């Protein structure tokens, strides 16, 4: 798969087509490093968007036409591909840029990891949010048992 030009990526059964262009040859190293950091931040923002959509999907269960997984997914795809283009260019210009482990994955794998993390985070948050309710039920049952035993 090419990293620049028109790139097609399949995520969860949907094909996304994105246009990726390499930076111009005269761009300064500092600008390339700034672009790398910006794309990493964009990936984090896209991750938060996927988490928010999944949370809405699980708790509110809106109809499919009101869900918007496409925007954060497309944003994550573009950011990941840009990172894969920028790091080698920065290294060729003498900069110090390295791939993180997740950045070495293919774009399909990376987006899959984002979706899996979103699912795990939302379900873990659900479990954490429900723990006080469970405790309240247990306390209410204990109070009921104590009242019942004092009456008898």
C-alpha atoms as a PDB file:
ATOM      1  CA  UNK A   1       0.000   0.000   0.000  1.00  0.00           C
ATOM      2  CA  UNK A   2       1.343   3.426  -0.897  1.00  0.00           C
ATOM      3  CA  UNK A   3       1.601   6.026   1.859  1.00  0.00           C
ATOM      4  CA  UNK A   4       0.953   9.017  -0.392  1.00  0.00           C
ATOM      5  CA  UNK A   5      -1.574   9.786  -3.076  1.00  0.00           C
ATOM      6  CA  UNK A   6      -5.056   8.336  -2.869  1.00  0.00           C
ATOM      7  CA  UNK A   7      -5.052   5.686  -0.145  1.00  0.00           C
ATOM      8  CA  UNK A   8      -7.989   3.369   0.494  1.00  0.00           C
ATOM      9  CA  UNK A   9      -8.364   1.877   3.954  1.00  0.00           C
ATOM     10  CA  UNK A  10     -11.018  -0.590   5.085  1.00  0.00           C
ATOM     11  CA  UNK A  11     -12.201  -0.212   8.676  1.00  0.00           C
ATOM     12  CA  UNK A  12     -15.121  -2.196  10.098  1.00  0.00           C
ATOM     13  CA  UNK A  13     -16.439  -3.070   6.650  1.00  0.00           C
ATOM     14  CA  UNK A  14     -16.332   0.495   5.301  1.00  0.00           C
ATOM     15  CA  UNK A  15     -13.758   1.768   2.819  1.00  0.00           C
ATOM     16  CA  UNK A  16     -12.283   5.198   3.451  1.00  0.00           C
ATOM     17  CA  UNK A  17     -10.441   6.964   0.634  1.00  0.00           C
ATOM     18  CA  UNK A  18      -8.046   9.686   1.770  1.00  0.00           C
ATOM     19  CA  UNK A  19      -5.616  11.876  -0.125  1.00  0.00           C
ATOM     20  CA  UNK A  20      -2.150  12.106   1.446  1.00  0.00           C
ATOM     21  CA  UNK A  21       0.524  14.430   0.079  1.00  0.00           C
ATOM     22  CA  UNK A  22       4.144  14.501   1.196  1.00  0.00           C
ATOM     23  CA  UNK A  23       5.500  17.844   2.398  1.00  0.00           C
ATOM     24  CA  UNK A  24       7.394  20.002  -0.066  1.00  0.00           C
ATOM     25  CA  UNK A  25      11.157  19.476  -0.418  1.00  0.00           C
ATOM     26  CA  UNK A  26      12.032  22.949   0.882  1.00  0.00           C
ATOM     27  CA  UNK A  27      10.121  22.708   4.164  1.00  0.00           C
ATOM     28  CA  UNK A  28      12.249  23.299   7.246  1.00  0.00           C
ATOM     29  CA  UNK A  29      13.040  20.563   9.768  1.00  0.00           C
ATOM     30  CA  UNK A  30      11.333  22.482  12.591  1.00  0.00           C
ATOM     31  CA  UNK A  31       8.122  22.685  10.567  1.00  0.00           C
ATOM     32  CA  UNK A  32       8.246  18.951   9.892  1.00  0.00           C
ATOM     33  CA  UNK A  33       8.711  18.210  13.599  1.00  0.00           C
ATOM     34  CA  UNK A  34       5.824  20.544  14.438  1.00  0.00           C
ATOM     35  CA  UNK A  35       3.666  18.757  11.852  1.00  0.00           C
ATOM     36  CA  UNK A  36       4.574  15.405  13.412  1.00  0.00           C
ATOM     37  CA  UNK A  37       3.475  16.573  16.870  1.00  0.00           C
ATOM     38  CA  UNK A  38       0.277  18.062  15.412  1.00  0.00           C
ATOM     39  CA  UNK A  39      -0.587  14.751  13.729  1.00  0.00           C
ATOM     40  CA  UNK A  40       0.051  12.849  16.946  1.00  0.00           C
ATOM     41  CA  UNK A  41      -2.326  15.232  18.747  1.00  0.00           C
ATOM     42  CA  UNK A  42      -4.885  14.785  15.968  1.00  0.00           C
ATOM     43  CA  UNK A  43      -4.687  11.036  16.491  1.00  0.00           C
ATOM     44  CA  UNK A  44      -5.395  11.527  20.197  1.00  0.00           C
ATOM     45  CA  UNK A  45      -8.355  13.794  19.379  1.00  0.00           C
ATOM     46  CA  UNK A  46      -9.690  11.198  16.934  1.00  0.00           C
ATOM     47  CA  UNK A  47      -9.303   8.545  19.642  1.00  0.00           C
ATOM     48  CA  UNK A  48     -11.411  10.656  22.034  1.00  0.00           C
ATOM     49  CA  UNK A  49     -14.013  11.080  19.275  1.00  0.00           C
ATOM     50  CA  UNK A  50     -14.225   7.326  18.747  1.00  0.00           C
ATOM     51  CA  UNK A  51     -14.592   6.814  22.512  1.00  0.00           C
ATOM     52  CA  UNK A  52     -17.371   9.438  22.673  1.00  0.00           C
ATOM     53  CA  UNK A  53     -19.248   7.823  19.776  1.00  0.00           C
ATOM     54  CA  UNK A  54     -18.927   4.357  21.274  1.00  0.00           C
ATOM     55  CA  UNK A  55     -20.120   5.660  24.662  1.00  0.00           C
ATOM     56  CA  UNK A  56     -23.138   7.222  22.958  1.00  0.00           C
ATOM     57  CA  UNK A  57     -23.717   3.995  21.034  1.00  0.00           C
ATOM     58  CA  UNK A  58     -23.692   1.870  24.206  1.00  0.00           C
ATOM     59  CA  UNK A  59     -25.616   4.083  26.604  1.00  0.00           C
ATOM     60  CA  UNK A  60     -27.999   6.105  24.419  1.00  0.00           C
ATOM     61  CA  UNK A  61     -28.354   3.637  21.518  1.00  0.00           C
ATOM     62  CA  UNK A  62     -29.210   6.263  18.877  1.00  0.00           C
ATOM     63  CA  UNK A  63     -30.343   5.238  15.407  1.00  0.00           C
ATOM     64  CA  UNK A  64     -27.464   4.539  13.011  1.00  0.00           C
ATOM     65  CA  UNK A  65     -27.994   7.729  11.007  1.00  0.00           C
ATOM     66  CA  UNK A  66     -27.293   9.811  14.137  1.00  0.00           C
ATOM     67  CA  UNK A  67     -23.964   8.127  14.820  1.00  0.00           C
ATOM     68  CA  UNK A  68     -20.780   9.606  13.413  1.00  0.00           C
ATOM     69  CA  UNK A  69     -17.875   7.189  13.555  1.00  0.00           C
ATOM     70  CA  UNK A  70     -16.726   8.382  10.127  1.00  0.00           C
ATOM     71  CA  UNK A  71     -15.275  11.748  11.166  1.00  0.00           C
ATOM     72  CA  UNK A  72     -12.951  10.531  13.944  1.00  0.00           C
ATOM     73  CA  UNK A  73     -12.033   7.431  11.931  1.00  0.00           C
ATOM     74  CA  UNK A  74     -11.084   9.488   8.876  1.00  0.00           C
ATOM     75  CA  UNK A  75      -9.152  11.898  11.107  1.00  0.00           C
ATOM     76  CA  UNK A  76      -7.245   8.983  12.667  1.00  0.00           C
ATOM     77  CA  UNK A  77      -6.458   7.464   9.261  1.00  0.00           C
ATOM     78  CA  UNK A  78      -5.073  10.735   7.902  1.00  0.00           C
ATOM     79  CA  UNK A  79      -3.029  11.414  11.039  1.00  0.00           C
ATOM     80  CA  UNK A  80      -1.552   7.895  11.063  1.00  0.00           C
ATOM     81  CA  UNK A  81      -0.586   8.051   7.391  1.00  0.00           C
ATOM     82  CA  UNK A  82       0.898  11.541   7.800  1.00  0.00           C
ATOM     83  CA  UNK A  83       3.003  10.308  10.722  1.00  0.00           C
ATOM     84  CA  UNK A  84       4.295   7.432   8.576  1.00  0.00           C
ATOM     85  CA  UNK A  85       5.305   9.930   5.881  1.00  0.00           C
ATOM     86  CA  UNK A  86       6.798  12.561   8.184  1.00  0.00           C
ATOM     87  CA  UNK A  87       9.108  10.425  10.340  1.00  0.00           C
ATOM     88  CA  UNK A  88      11.347   9.148   7.503  1.00  0.00           C
ATOM     89  CA  UNK A  89      11.574  12.653   6.020  1.00  0.00           C
ATOM     90  CA  UNK A  90      12.544  14.121   9.402  1.00  0.00           C
ATOM     91  CA  UNK A  91      15.196  11.422   9.787  1.00  0.00           C
ATOM     92  CA  UNK A  92      16.558  12.105   6.291  1.00  0.00           C
ATOM     93  CA  UNK A  93      16.883  15.807   7.127  1.00  0.00           C
ATOM     94  CA  UNK A  94      18.880  14.982  10.263  1.00  0.00           C
ATOM     95  CA  UNK A  95      16.081  15.287  12.804  1.00  0.00           C
ATOM     96  CA  UNK A  96      15.435  13.000  15.716  1.00  0.00           C
ATOM     97  CA  UNK A  97      12.068  11.347  15.143  1.00  0.00           C
ATOM     98  CA  UNK A  98      11.199   7.772  15.972  1.00  0.00           C
ATOM     99  CA  UNK A  99       8.186   5.572  15.514  1.00  0.00           C
ATOM    100  CA  UNK A 100       6.290   4.545  18.618  1.00  0.00           C
ATOM    101  CA  UNK A 101       5.189   0.919  18.675  1.00  0.00           C
ATOM    102  CA  UNK A 102       1.622   1.716  17.554  1.00  0.00           C
ATOM    103  CA  UNK A 103       2.954   3.878  14.713  1.00  0.00           C
ATOM    104  CA  UNK A 104       4.656   0.824  13.214  1.00  0.00           C
ATOM    105  CA  UNK A 105       1.297  -0.920  12.740  1.00  0.00           C
ATOM    106  CA  UNK A 106      -0.541  -0.792   9.452  1.00  0.00           C
ATOM    107  CA  UNK A 107      -3.273   1.812   9.365  1.00  0.00           C
ATOM    108  CA  UNK A 108      -5.965  -0.884   9.548  1.00  0.00           C
ATOM    109  CA  UNK A 109      -4.356  -2.411  12.639  1.00  0.00           C
ATOM    110  CA  UNK A 110      -3.912   0.991  14.275  1.00  0.00           C
ATOM    111  CA  UNK A 111      -7.549   1.979  13.779  1.00  0.00           C
ATOM    112  CA  UNK A 112      -8.582  -1.457  15.043  1.00  0.00           C
ATOM    113  CA  UNK A 113      -6.560  -0.828  18.200  1.00  0.00           C
ATOM    114  CA  UNK A 114      -8.283   2.545  18.638  1.00  0.00           C
ATOM    115  CA  UNK A 115     -11.700   0.906  18.374  1.00  0.00           C
ATOM    116  CA  UNK A 116     -10.734  -1.899  20.778  1.00  0.00           C
ATOM    117  CA  UNK A 117      -9.379   0.593  23.326  1.00  0.00           C
ATOM    118  CA  UNK A 118     -12.575   2.635  23.019  1.00  0.00           C
ATOM    119  CA  UNK A 119     -14.686  -0.445  23.713  1.00  0.00           C
ATOM    120  CA  UNK A 120     -12.566  -1.451  26.695  1.00  0.00           C
ATOM    121  CA  UNK A 121     -12.562   2.079  28.154  1.00  0.00           C
ATOM    122  CA  UNK A 122     -16.322   2.543  27.847  1.00  0.00           C
ATOM    123  CA  UNK A 123     -17.080  -0.869  29.323  1.00  0.00           C
ATOM    124  CA  UNK A 124     -14.569  -0.336  32.136  1.00  0.00           C
ATOM    125  CA  UNK A 125     -16.098   3.082  32.872  1.00  0.00           C
ATOM    126  CA  UNK A 126     -19.534   1.472  32.908  1.00  0.00           C
ATOM    127  CA  UNK A 127     -18.344  -1.069  35.454  1.00  0.00           C
ATOM    128  CA  UNK A 128     -16.787   1.679  37.598  1.00  0.00           C
ATOM    129  CA  UNK A 129     -19.907   3.840  37.412  1.00  0.00           C
ATOM    130  CA  UNK A 130     -22.120   0.938  38.429  1.00  0.00           C
ATOM    131  CA  UNK A 131     -20.053  -0.038  41.482  1.00  0.00           C
ATOM    132  CA  UNK A 132     -21.662   2.593  43.791  1.00  0.00           C
ATOM    133  CA  UNK A 133     -25.105   1.318  42.799  1.00  0.00           C
ATOM    134  CA  UNK A 134     -24.139  -2.243  43.713  1.00  0.00           C
ATOM    135  CA  UNK A 135     -22.821  -1.044  47.053  1.00  0.00           C
ATOM    136  CA  UNK A 136     -26.054   0.856  47.749  1.00  0.00           C
ATOM    137  CA  UNK A 137     -28.098  -2.283  47.034  1.00  0.00           C
ATOM    138  CA  UNK A 138     -25.932  -4.347  49.386  1.00  0.00           C
ATOM    139  CA  UNK A 139     -26.202  -1.732  52.160  1.00  0.00           C
ATOM    140  CA  UNK A 140     -29.985  -1.548  51.721  1.00  0.00           C
ATOM    141  CA  UNK A 141     -30.222  -5.332  51.978  1.00  0.00           C
ATOM    142  CA  UNK A 142     -28.083  -5.345  55.138  1.00  0.00           C
ATOM    143  CA  UNK A 143     -30.255  -2.661  56.731  1.00  0.00           C
ATOM    144  CA  UNK A 144     -33.337  -4.655  55.797  1.00  0.00           C
ATOM    145  CA  UNK A 145     -31.869  -7.815  57.360  1.00  0.00           C
ATOM    146  CA  UNK A 146     -30.899  -5.917  60.543  1.00  0.00           C
ATOM    147  CA  UNK A 147     -34.395  -4.420  60.883  1.00  0.00           C
ATOM    148  CA  UNK A 148     -35.998  -7.795  60.189  1.00  0.00           C
ATOM    149  CA  UNK A 149     -33.839  -9.561  62.820  1.00  0.00           C
ATOM    150  CA  UNK A 150     -34.562  -6.936  65.478  1.00  0.00           C
ATOM    151  CA  UNK A 151     -38.311  -7.293  64.922  1.00  0.00           C
ATOM    152  CA  UNK A 152     -38.218 -11.058  65.399  1.00  0.00           C
END
